[in-house]
Amino acid sequence: GALRERRARGGRTAYVEGNRDFAIGRGATAGLFDQVSRGSLVERFGDAVFHFSHGDLVNTADRQYRAWRSFSKRLLAPVALRVLPESASLAIAARLESGMRGTNRRHKSSFPEEACRTFARARIAAGADVVVVGHFHREVVLPVVADGGRSGTFVSLPFWHEEPRP
């Protein structure tokens, strides 16, 4: 309701899909967003350029997750969303999510700071001042200097419902 109201007042809304998001902008979410991105969005706020990305592809060393994401985003979800009733798709997603919770502990147990710095350096070199991701669900702010000396900031957002803000 708040998004519809904002758009009705002329506000712009944008959405970057996460690893658990499928078909955003269609069905119940149709018309909520001016822009939906599966990758990233670059927005200017005042003098600063922000690069927003979900961040689930930042850690290139996490091959198990990247393989799962490729399968789920490119094959499983599109087919399931087309042929199964919504209740069945949601039930399958819940089972898969629950089953995967205990996997890949090596990459889930620590924050991949160097991978985040590498990701941020490339975006800062391309003109971003602030690089924002959410995938890691851990609040981290890192100063980053890109090749050529351009500096910026990398921000990993906290898990919104465990670390609420005033």
N, C-alpha and C. Protein backbone atom coordinates (compact mmCIF):
# COMPACT_ATOMS: atom_id res chain seq x y z
N GLY A 1 0.80 -1.19 0.00
CA GLY A 1 0.00 0.00 0.00
C GLY A 1 0.85 1.26 0.00
N ALA A 2 1.91 1.27 0.80
CA ALA A 2 2.77 2.45 0.88
C ALA A 2 3.47 2.72 -0.46
N LEU A 3 3.88 1.66 -1.13
CA LEU A 3 4.53 1.85 -2.44
C LEU A 3 3.55 2.39 -3.47
N ARG A 4 2.34 1.85 -3.46
CA ARG A 4 1.32 2.36 -4.40
C ARG A 4 1.02 3.82 -4.12
N GLU A 5 0.91 4.17 -2.85
CA GLU A 5 0.64 5.55 -2.46
C GLU A 5 1.79 6.47 -2.89
N ARG A 6 3.00 6.03 -2.67
CA ARG A 6 4.16 6.82 -3.08
C ARG A 6 4.16 7.07 -4.58
N ARG A 7 3.89 6.05 -5.34
CA ARG A 7 3.86 6.20 -6.81
C ARG A 7 2.71 7.10 -7.23
N ALA A 8 1.57 7.00 -6.55
CA ALA A 8 0.42 7.85 -6.89
C ALA A 8 0.75 9.33 -6.66
N ARG A 9 1.64 9.61 -5.69
CA ARG A 9 2.05 10.99 -5.40
C ARG A 9 3.19 11.43 -6.31
N GLY A 10 3.60 10.57 -7.24
CA GLY A 10 4.66 10.93 -8.18
C GLY A 10 6.04 10.46 -7.78
N GLY A 11 6.13 9.71 -6.70
CA GLY A 11 7.43 9.19 -6.26
C GLY A 11 7.89 8.06 -7.15
N ARG A 12 9.19 7.94 -7.30
CA ARG A 12 9.78 6.88 -8.11
C ARG A 12 10.20 5.74 -7.18
N THR A 13 9.98 4.50 -7.59
CA THR A 13 10.38 3.34 -6.81
C THR A 13 11.20 2.40 -7.69
N ALA A 14 12.24 1.84 -7.10
CA ALA A 14 13.09 0.90 -7.81
C ALA A 14 13.36 -0.28 -6.89
N TYR A 15 13.67 -1.43 -7.48
CA TYR A 15 13.87 -2.65 -6.71
C TYR A 15 15.00 -3.45 -7.33
N VAL A 16 15.91 -3.92 -6.49
CA VAL A 16 16.96 -4.84 -6.93
C VAL A 16 16.61 -6.21 -6.39
N GLU A 17 16.42 -7.17 -7.30
CA GLU A 17 16.06 -8.52 -6.87
C GLU A 17 17.17 -9.15 -6.04
N GLY A 18 16.74 -9.91 -5.04
CA GLY A 18 17.68 -10.67 -4.22
C GLY A 18 17.65 -12.13 -4.59
N ASN A 19 18.39 -12.92 -3.86
CA ASN A 19 18.47 -14.34 -4.18
C ASN A 19 17.17 -15.08 -3.90
N ARG A 20 16.29 -14.52 -3.10
CA ARG A 20 15.01 -15.17 -2.81
C ARG A 20 13.85 -14.51 -3.54
N ASP A 21 14.15 -13.60 -4.44
CA ASP A 21 13.11 -12.87 -5.16
C ASP A 21 12.95 -13.42 -6.57
N PHE A 22 11.71 -13.67 -6.92
CA PHE A 22 11.41 -14.18 -8.25
C PHE A 22 10.17 -13.46 -8.77
N ALA A 23 10.19 -13.06 -10.00
CA ALA A 23 9.05 -12.44 -10.68
C ALA A 23 8.59 -11.14 -10.00
N ILE A 24 9.53 -10.39 -9.46
CA ILE A 24 9.19 -9.09 -8.88
C ILE A 24 8.73 -8.20 -10.03
N GLY A 25 7.65 -7.47 -9.79
CA GLY A 25 7.10 -6.60 -10.83
C GLY A 25 6.00 -7.26 -11.64
N ARG A 26 5.72 -8.51 -11.32
CA ARG A 26 4.62 -9.22 -11.98
C ARG A 26 3.66 -9.71 -10.91
N GLY A 27 2.50 -10.11 -11.29
CA GLY A 27 1.53 -10.62 -10.33
C GLY A 27 1.17 -9.58 -9.30
N ALA A 28 1.24 -9.95 -8.02
CA ALA A 28 0.83 -9.06 -6.93
C ALA A 28 1.70 -7.81 -6.83
N THR A 29 2.92 -7.86 -7.35
CA THR A 29 3.81 -6.69 -7.26
C THR A 29 3.81 -5.86 -8.55
N ALA A 30 2.95 -6.21 -9.51
CA ALA A 30 2.88 -5.44 -10.76
C ALA A 30 2.51 -3.99 -10.46
N GLY A 31 3.19 -3.07 -11.08
CA GLY A 31 2.88 -1.66 -10.94
C GLY A 31 3.46 -0.99 -9.71
N LEU A 32 4.17 -1.74 -8.87
CA LEU A 32 4.74 -1.14 -7.66
C LEU A 32 6.05 -0.39 -7.92
N PHE A 33 6.76 -0.80 -8.97
CA PHE A 33 8.10 -0.27 -9.19
C PHE A 33 8.24 0.32 -10.58
N ASP A 34 8.97 1.43 -10.65
CA ASP A 34 9.31 2.02 -11.94
C ASP A 34 10.39 1.21 -12.62
N GLN A 35 11.23 0.59 -11.81
CA GLN A 35 12.34 -0.19 -12.34
C GLN A 35 12.60 -1.38 -11.43
N VAL A 36 12.79 -2.55 -12.05
CA VAL A 36 13.19 -3.76 -11.33
C VAL A 36 14.46 -4.26 -12.01
N SER A 37 15.49 -4.50 -11.21
CA SER A 37 16.75 -4.97 -11.75
C SER A 37 17.10 -6.32 -11.16
N ARG A 38 17.54 -7.21 -12.00
CA ARG A 38 18.06 -8.50 -11.52
C ARG A 38 19.52 -8.38 -11.12
N GLY A 39 20.17 -7.29 -11.52
CA GLY A 39 21.59 -7.13 -11.22
C GLY A 39 21.86 -5.99 -10.26
N SER A 40 21.85 -4.77 -10.79
CA SER A 40 22.19 -3.63 -9.96
C SER A 40 21.50 -2.37 -10.49
N LEU A 41 21.50 -1.37 -9.65
CA LEU A 41 20.99 -0.05 -10.03
C LEU A 41 22.03 0.99 -9.64
N VAL A 42 22.16 2.01 -10.45
CA VAL A 42 23.04 3.12 -10.14
C VAL A 42 22.15 4.36 -10.08
N GLU A 43 22.20 5.05 -8.95
CA GLU A 43 21.36 6.21 -8.72
C GLU A 43 22.20 7.36 -8.16
N ARG A 44 21.87 8.56 -8.55
CA ARG A 44 22.52 9.75 -8.01
C ARG A 44 21.61 10.36 -6.96
N PHE A 45 22.17 10.66 -5.80
CA PHE A 45 21.48 11.37 -4.73
C PHE A 45 22.35 12.56 -4.38
N GLY A 46 21.92 13.74 -4.75
CA GLY A 46 22.76 14.92 -4.55
C GLY A 46 24.00 14.80 -5.40
N ASP A 47 25.15 14.94 -4.77
CA ASP A 47 26.42 14.85 -5.49
C ASP A 47 27.00 13.44 -5.51
N ALA A 48 26.37 12.51 -4.82
CA ALA A 48 26.93 11.16 -4.69
C ALA A 48 26.25 10.18 -5.64
N VAL A 49 27.05 9.28 -6.19
CA VAL A 49 26.55 8.21 -7.05
C VAL A 49 26.58 6.92 -6.23
N PHE A 50 25.41 6.27 -6.14
CA PHE A 50 25.26 5.03 -5.38
C PHE A 50 25.09 3.86 -6.35
N HIS A 51 25.81 2.80 -6.08
CA HIS A 51 25.64 1.54 -6.82
C HIS A 51 24.96 0.57 -5.85
N PHE A 52 23.74 0.15 -6.19
CA PHE A 52 23.00 -0.80 -5.36
C PHE A 52 23.01 -2.16 -6.04
N SER A 53 23.37 -3.17 -5.29
CA SER A 53 23.37 -4.54 -5.79
C SER A 53 22.95 -5.45 -4.65
N HIS A 54 22.25 -6.53 -4.94
CA HIS A 54 21.90 -7.43 -3.86
C HIS A 54 23.17 -7.94 -3.17
N GLY A 55 24.15 -8.29 -3.97
CA GLY A 55 25.43 -8.71 -3.40
C GLY A 55 25.67 -10.19 -3.36
N ASP A 56 24.71 -10.98 -3.81
CA ASP A 56 24.89 -12.43 -3.71
C ASP A 56 25.92 -12.98 -4.68
N LEU A 57 26.36 -12.19 -5.63
CA LEU A 57 27.40 -12.65 -6.56
C LEU A 57 28.76 -12.03 -6.26
N VAL A 58 28.87 -11.30 -5.16
CA VAL A 58 30.12 -10.65 -4.79
C VAL A 58 31.21 -11.68 -4.49
N ASN A 59 30.88 -12.70 -3.74
CA ASN A 59 31.88 -13.69 -3.32
C ASN A 59 32.08 -14.73 -4.42
N THR A 60 33.03 -14.45 -5.31
CA THR A 60 33.26 -15.35 -6.44
C THR A 60 33.82 -16.70 -6.01
N ALA A 61 34.34 -16.80 -4.80
CA ALA A 61 34.86 -18.08 -4.30
C ALA A 61 33.76 -19.04 -3.88
N ASP A 62 32.55 -18.55 -3.68
CA ASP A 62 31.44 -19.41 -3.24
C ASP A 62 30.78 -20.05 -4.46
N ARG A 63 31.47 -21.01 -5.02
CA ARG A 63 31.00 -21.66 -6.26
C ARG A 63 29.71 -22.45 -6.06
N GLN A 64 29.55 -23.07 -4.89
CA GLN A 64 28.34 -23.84 -4.63
C GLN A 64 27.10 -22.93 -4.69
N TYR A 65 27.17 -21.78 -4.03
CA TYR A 65 26.04 -20.86 -4.06
C TYR A 65 25.80 -20.35 -5.48
N ARG A 66 26.87 -19.98 -6.18
CA ARG A 66 26.72 -19.42 -7.52
C ARG A 66 26.08 -20.44 -8.47
N ALA A 67 26.42 -21.71 -8.33
CA ALA A 67 25.80 -22.75 -9.15
C ALA A 67 24.31 -22.87 -8.82
N TRP A 68 23.99 -22.88 -7.52
CA TRP A 68 22.59 -22.95 -7.11
C TRP A 68 21.80 -21.74 -7.63
N ARG A 69 22.36 -20.56 -7.51
CA ARG A 69 21.68 -19.35 -7.97
C ARG A 69 21.41 -19.42 -9.47
N SER A 70 22.40 -19.84 -10.22
CA SER A 70 22.23 -19.94 -11.66
C SER A 70 21.10 -20.91 -12.01
N PHE A 71 21.09 -22.06 -11.36
CA PHE A 71 20.04 -23.05 -11.59
C PHE A 71 18.67 -22.51 -11.18
N SER A 72 18.59 -21.93 -9.98
CA SER A 72 17.28 -21.50 -9.47
C SER A 72 16.74 -20.30 -10.24
N LYS A 73 17.59 -19.36 -10.61
CA LYS A 73 17.13 -18.15 -11.30
C LYS A 73 16.86 -18.39 -12.79
N ARG A 74 17.65 -19.26 -13.40
CA ARG A 74 17.54 -19.44 -14.85
C ARG A 74 16.63 -20.58 -15.27
N LEU A 75 16.45 -21.57 -14.41
CA LEU A 75 15.68 -22.73 -14.82
C LEU A 75 14.52 -23.03 -13.87
N LEU A 76 14.84 -23.30 -12.62
CA LEU A 76 13.83 -23.75 -11.66
C LEU A 76 12.70 -22.74 -11.49
N ALA A 77 13.03 -21.53 -11.12
CA ALA A 77 11.99 -20.53 -10.83
C ALA A 77 11.13 -20.19 -12.04
N PRO A 78 11.71 -19.89 -13.19
CA PRO A 78 10.85 -19.55 -14.33
C PRO A 78 9.87 -20.66 -14.71
N VAL A 79 10.34 -21.91 -14.66
CA VAL A 79 9.46 -23.03 -15.00
C VAL A 79 8.39 -23.20 -13.92
N ALA A 80 8.81 -23.21 -12.66
CA ALA A 80 7.85 -23.39 -11.56
C ALA A 80 6.81 -22.28 -11.54
N LEU A 81 7.22 -21.04 -11.76
CA LEU A 81 6.28 -19.93 -11.72
C LEU A 81 5.28 -19.98 -12.88
N ARG A 82 5.69 -20.60 -13.98
CA ARG A 82 4.79 -20.70 -15.13
C ARG A 82 3.80 -21.85 -15.01
N VAL A 83 4.24 -22.96 -14.44
CA VAL A 83 3.40 -24.17 -14.50
C VAL A 83 2.74 -24.58 -13.18
N LEU A 84 3.25 -24.12 -12.06
CA LEU A 84 2.70 -24.55 -10.78
C LEU A 84 1.81 -23.47 -10.16
N PRO A 85 0.82 -23.90 -9.39
CA PRO A 85 0.05 -22.91 -8.63
C PRO A 85 0.97 -22.21 -7.62
N GLU A 86 0.65 -20.99 -7.26
CA GLU A 86 1.48 -20.21 -6.35
C GLU A 86 1.74 -20.95 -5.05
N SER A 87 0.73 -21.61 -4.50
CA SER A 87 0.91 -22.32 -3.23
C SER A 87 1.95 -23.43 -3.35
N ALA A 88 1.97 -24.13 -4.48
CA ALA A 88 2.95 -25.20 -4.69
C ALA A 88 4.35 -24.61 -4.85
N SER A 89 4.48 -23.52 -5.59
CA SER A 89 5.78 -22.87 -5.76
C SER A 89 6.34 -22.41 -4.42
N LEU A 90 5.48 -21.81 -3.60
CA LEU A 90 5.91 -21.33 -2.29
C LEU A 90 6.32 -22.49 -1.38
N ALA A 91 5.60 -23.58 -1.44
CA ALA A 91 5.93 -24.75 -0.62
C ALA A 91 7.27 -25.34 -1.03
N ILE A 92 7.51 -25.43 -2.32
CA ILE A 92 8.79 -25.95 -2.81
C ILE A 92 9.92 -25.02 -2.39
N ALA A 93 9.72 -23.73 -2.54
CA ALA A 93 10.74 -22.74 -2.15
C ALA A 93 11.06 -22.85 -0.66
N ALA A 94 10.04 -23.01 0.16
CA ALA A 94 10.26 -23.12 1.61
C ALA A 94 11.06 -24.37 1.95
N ARG A 95 10.75 -25.50 1.29
CA ARG A 95 11.48 -26.74 1.53
C ARG A 95 12.94 -26.61 1.10
N LEU A 96 13.17 -26.03 -0.07
CA LEU A 96 14.53 -25.85 -0.55
C LEU A 96 15.32 -24.92 0.37
N GLU A 97 14.69 -23.84 0.78
CA GLU A 97 15.34 -22.88 1.68
C GLU A 97 15.73 -23.56 2.99
N SER A 98 14.82 -24.31 3.55
CA SER A 98 15.08 -25.00 4.80
C SER A 98 16.20 -26.02 4.64
N GLY A 99 16.18 -26.75 3.55
CA GLY A 99 17.19 -27.76 3.31
C GLY A 99 18.57 -27.18 3.07
N MET A 100 18.63 -25.99 2.49
CA MET A 100 19.92 -25.38 2.18
C MET A 100 20.49 -24.59 3.34
N ARG A 101 19.71 -24.33 4.35
CA ARG A 101 20.15 -23.50 5.47
C ARG A 101 21.44 -24.04 6.11
N GLY A 102 21.58 -25.34 6.18
CA GLY A 102 22.74 -25.92 6.84
C GLY A 102 23.91 -26.21 5.91
N THR A 103 23.78 -25.89 4.63
CA THR A 103 24.84 -26.19 3.67
C THR A 103 25.83 -25.04 3.54
N ASN A 104 26.96 -25.34 2.96
CA ASN A 104 27.93 -24.33 2.57
C ASN A 104 28.39 -23.47 3.74
N ARG A 105 28.58 -24.06 4.89
CA ARG A 105 28.95 -23.33 6.11
C ARG A 105 30.24 -22.53 5.96
N ARG A 106 31.18 -23.03 5.17
CA ARG A 106 32.47 -22.35 5.04
C ARG A 106 32.28 -20.91 4.55
N HIS A 107 31.36 -20.69 3.63
CA HIS A 107 31.16 -19.34 3.09
C HIS A 107 30.13 -18.54 3.88
N LYS A 108 29.32 -19.20 4.68
CA LYS A 108 28.31 -18.49 5.46
C LYS A 108 28.84 -18.04 6.82
N SER A 109 29.94 -18.61 7.25
CA SER A 109 30.41 -18.35 8.61
C SER A 109 31.25 -17.10 8.77
N SER A 110 31.72 -16.54 7.68
CA SER A 110 32.54 -15.34 7.81
C SER A 110 32.19 -14.33 6.71
N PHE A 111 32.45 -13.09 7.01
CA PHE A 111 32.19 -12.02 6.05
C PHE A 111 33.33 -11.97 5.04
N PRO A 112 33.03 -11.99 3.74
CA PRO A 112 34.09 -12.02 2.71
C PRO A 112 34.63 -10.61 2.41
N GLU A 113 35.35 -10.06 3.36
CA GLU A 113 35.79 -8.66 3.23
C GLU A 113 36.59 -8.41 1.97
N GLU A 114 37.54 -9.26 1.66
CA GLU A 114 38.37 -8.98 0.47
C GLU A 114 37.55 -9.05 -0.81
N ALA A 115 36.62 -10.00 -0.90
CA ALA A 115 35.74 -10.08 -2.08
C ALA A 115 34.89 -8.81 -2.19
N CYS A 116 34.43 -8.30 -1.05
CA CYS A 116 33.62 -7.07 -1.05
C CYS A 116 34.46 -5.88 -1.48
N ARG A 117 35.69 -5.81 -1.01
CA ARG A 117 36.58 -4.71 -1.42
C ARG A 117 36.86 -4.77 -2.92
N THR A 118 37.10 -5.97 -3.44
CA THR A 118 37.35 -6.13 -4.87
C THR A 118 36.14 -5.70 -5.68
N PHE A 119 34.97 -6.13 -5.27
CA PHE A 119 33.71 -5.75 -5.93
C PHE A 119 33.55 -4.23 -5.90
N ALA A 120 33.77 -3.62 -4.74
CA ALA A 120 33.60 -2.18 -4.58
C ALA A 120 34.62 -1.40 -5.39
N ARG A 121 35.87 -1.85 -5.41
CA ARG A 121 36.91 -1.13 -6.16
C ARG A 121 36.51 -0.97 -7.62
N ALA A 122 35.97 -2.03 -8.22
CA ALA A 122 35.58 -1.96 -9.63
C ALA A 122 34.45 -0.96 -9.84
N ARG A 123 33.47 -0.94 -8.93
CA ARG A 123 32.33 -0.01 -9.07
C ARG A 123 32.75 1.43 -8.80
N ILE A 124 33.66 1.61 -7.85
CA ILE A 124 34.16 2.95 -7.54
C ILE A 124 35.01 3.47 -8.70
N ALA A 125 35.82 2.61 -9.28
CA ALA A 125 36.61 3.00 -10.45
C ALA A 125 35.70 3.41 -11.60
N ALA A 126 34.51 2.81 -11.68
CA ALA A 126 33.56 3.12 -12.75
C ALA A 126 32.70 4.35 -12.43
N GLY A 127 32.91 4.97 -11.26
CA GLY A 127 32.21 6.22 -10.97
C GLY A 127 31.33 6.24 -9.75
N ALA A 128 31.13 5.10 -9.09
CA ALA A 128 30.29 5.10 -7.88
C ALA A 128 31.06 5.71 -6.71
N ASP A 129 30.34 6.36 -5.84
CA ASP A 129 30.92 6.88 -4.59
C ASP A 129 30.63 5.94 -3.43
N VAL A 130 29.45 5.31 -3.49
CA VAL A 130 29.01 4.40 -2.43
C VAL A 130 28.48 3.14 -3.09
N VAL A 131 28.94 1.99 -2.63
CA VAL A 131 28.49 0.69 -3.12
C VAL A 131 27.72 0.03 -1.99
N VAL A 132 26.45 -0.31 -2.24
CA VAL A 132 25.57 -0.84 -1.19
C VAL A 132 25.10 -2.24 -1.59
N VAL A 133 25.26 -3.21 -0.66
CA VAL A 133 24.76 -4.57 -0.85
C VAL A 133 23.97 -4.99 0.38
N GLY A 134 23.17 -6.03 0.24
CA GLY A 134 22.39 -6.51 1.37
C GLY A 134 22.53 -7.98 1.67
N HIS A 135 23.11 -8.72 0.77
CA HIS A 135 23.10 -10.19 0.84
C HIS A 135 23.70 -10.78 2.12
N PHE A 136 24.69 -10.14 2.68
CA PHE A 136 25.42 -10.73 3.80
C PHE A 136 24.72 -10.54 5.14
N HIS A 137 23.72 -9.66 5.19
CA HIS A 137 22.93 -9.43 6.40
C HIS A 137 23.81 -9.08 7.60
N ARG A 138 24.86 -8.36 7.34
CA ARG A 138 25.77 -7.94 8.40
C ARG A 138 26.14 -6.48 8.11
N GLU A 139 26.02 -5.64 9.13
CA GLU A 139 26.36 -4.23 8.94
C GLU A 139 27.87 -4.07 8.92
N VAL A 140 28.37 -3.63 7.76
CA VAL A 140 29.79 -3.40 7.58
C VAL A 140 29.95 -2.17 6.70
N VAL A 141 30.82 -1.26 7.10
CA VAL A 141 31.14 -0.08 6.30
C VAL A 141 32.65 -0.07 6.12
N LEU A 142 33.09 -0.07 4.84
CA LEU A 142 34.52 -0.13 4.54
C LEU A 142 34.93 1.03 3.64
N PRO A 143 35.97 1.75 4.00
CA PRO A 143 36.52 2.71 3.05
C PRO A 143 37.26 1.92 1.97
N VAL A 144 37.14 2.34 0.73
CA VAL A 144 37.75 1.61 -0.38
C VAL A 144 38.43 2.60 -1.30
N VAL A 145 39.64 2.27 -1.73
CA VAL A 145 40.36 3.07 -2.71
C VAL A 145 40.54 2.22 -3.95
N ALA A 146 40.04 2.72 -5.07
CA ALA A 146 40.13 2.00 -6.33
C ALA A 146 41.47 2.30 -7.00
N ASP A 147 41.80 1.49 -8.00
CA ASP A 147 42.99 1.78 -8.81
C ASP A 147 42.85 3.20 -9.35
N GLY A 148 43.92 3.93 -9.36
CA GLY A 148 43.88 5.31 -9.80
C GLY A 148 43.65 6.28 -8.66
N GLY A 149 43.40 5.76 -7.45
CA GLY A 149 43.28 6.61 -6.27
C GLY A 149 41.89 7.12 -5.95
N ARG A 150 40.89 6.80 -6.77
CA ARG A 150 39.53 7.25 -6.47
C ARG A 150 39.02 6.51 -5.24
N SER A 151 38.46 7.25 -4.27
CA SER A 151 38.00 6.61 -3.04
C SER A 151 36.48 6.61 -2.95
N GLY A 152 35.98 5.67 -2.20
CA GLY A 152 34.55 5.54 -1.98
C GLY A 152 34.29 4.69 -0.75
N THR A 153 33.05 4.28 -0.61
CA THR A 153 32.64 3.51 0.57
C THR A 153 31.84 2.30 0.15
N PHE A 154 32.13 1.18 0.78
CA PHE A 154 31.34 -0.05 0.61
C PHE A 154 30.46 -0.18 1.86
N VAL A 155 29.16 -0.47 1.65
CA VAL A 155 28.23 -0.63 2.76
C VAL A 155 27.49 -1.95 2.58
N SER A 156 27.58 -2.80 3.60
CA SER A 156 26.78 -4.02 3.67
C SER A 156 25.69 -3.76 4.70
N LEU A 157 24.45 -3.88 4.29
CA LEU A 157 23.33 -3.57 5.16
C LEU A 157 23.04 -4.69 6.15
N PRO A 158 22.57 -4.34 7.34
CA PRO A 158 22.21 -5.37 8.33
C PRO A 158 20.93 -6.07 7.93
N PHE A 159 20.67 -7.18 8.57
CA PHE A 159 19.41 -7.91 8.40
C PHE A 159 18.31 -7.03 8.98
N TRP A 160 17.48 -6.48 8.14
CA TRP A 160 16.57 -5.39 8.52
C TRP A 160 15.67 -5.72 9.70
N HIS A 161 15.22 -6.95 9.84
CA HIS A 161 14.28 -7.20 10.92
C HIS A 161 14.96 -7.67 12.21
N GLU A 162 16.28 -7.85 12.18
CA GLU A 162 16.99 -8.17 13.41
C GLU A 162 17.72 -6.95 13.97
N GLU A 163 17.99 -5.97 13.12
CA GLU A 163 18.68 -4.76 13.57
C GLU A 163 17.88 -3.54 13.11
N PRO A 164 16.69 -3.34 13.68
CA PRO A 164 15.84 -2.22 13.21
C PRO A 164 16.49 -0.88 13.52
N ARG A 165 16.18 0.09 12.68
CA ARG A 165 16.68 1.44 12.85
C ARG A 165 15.54 2.36 13.26
N PRO A 166 15.86 3.40 14.04
CA PRO A 166 14.81 4.36 14.41
C PRO A 166 14.32 5.13 13.20
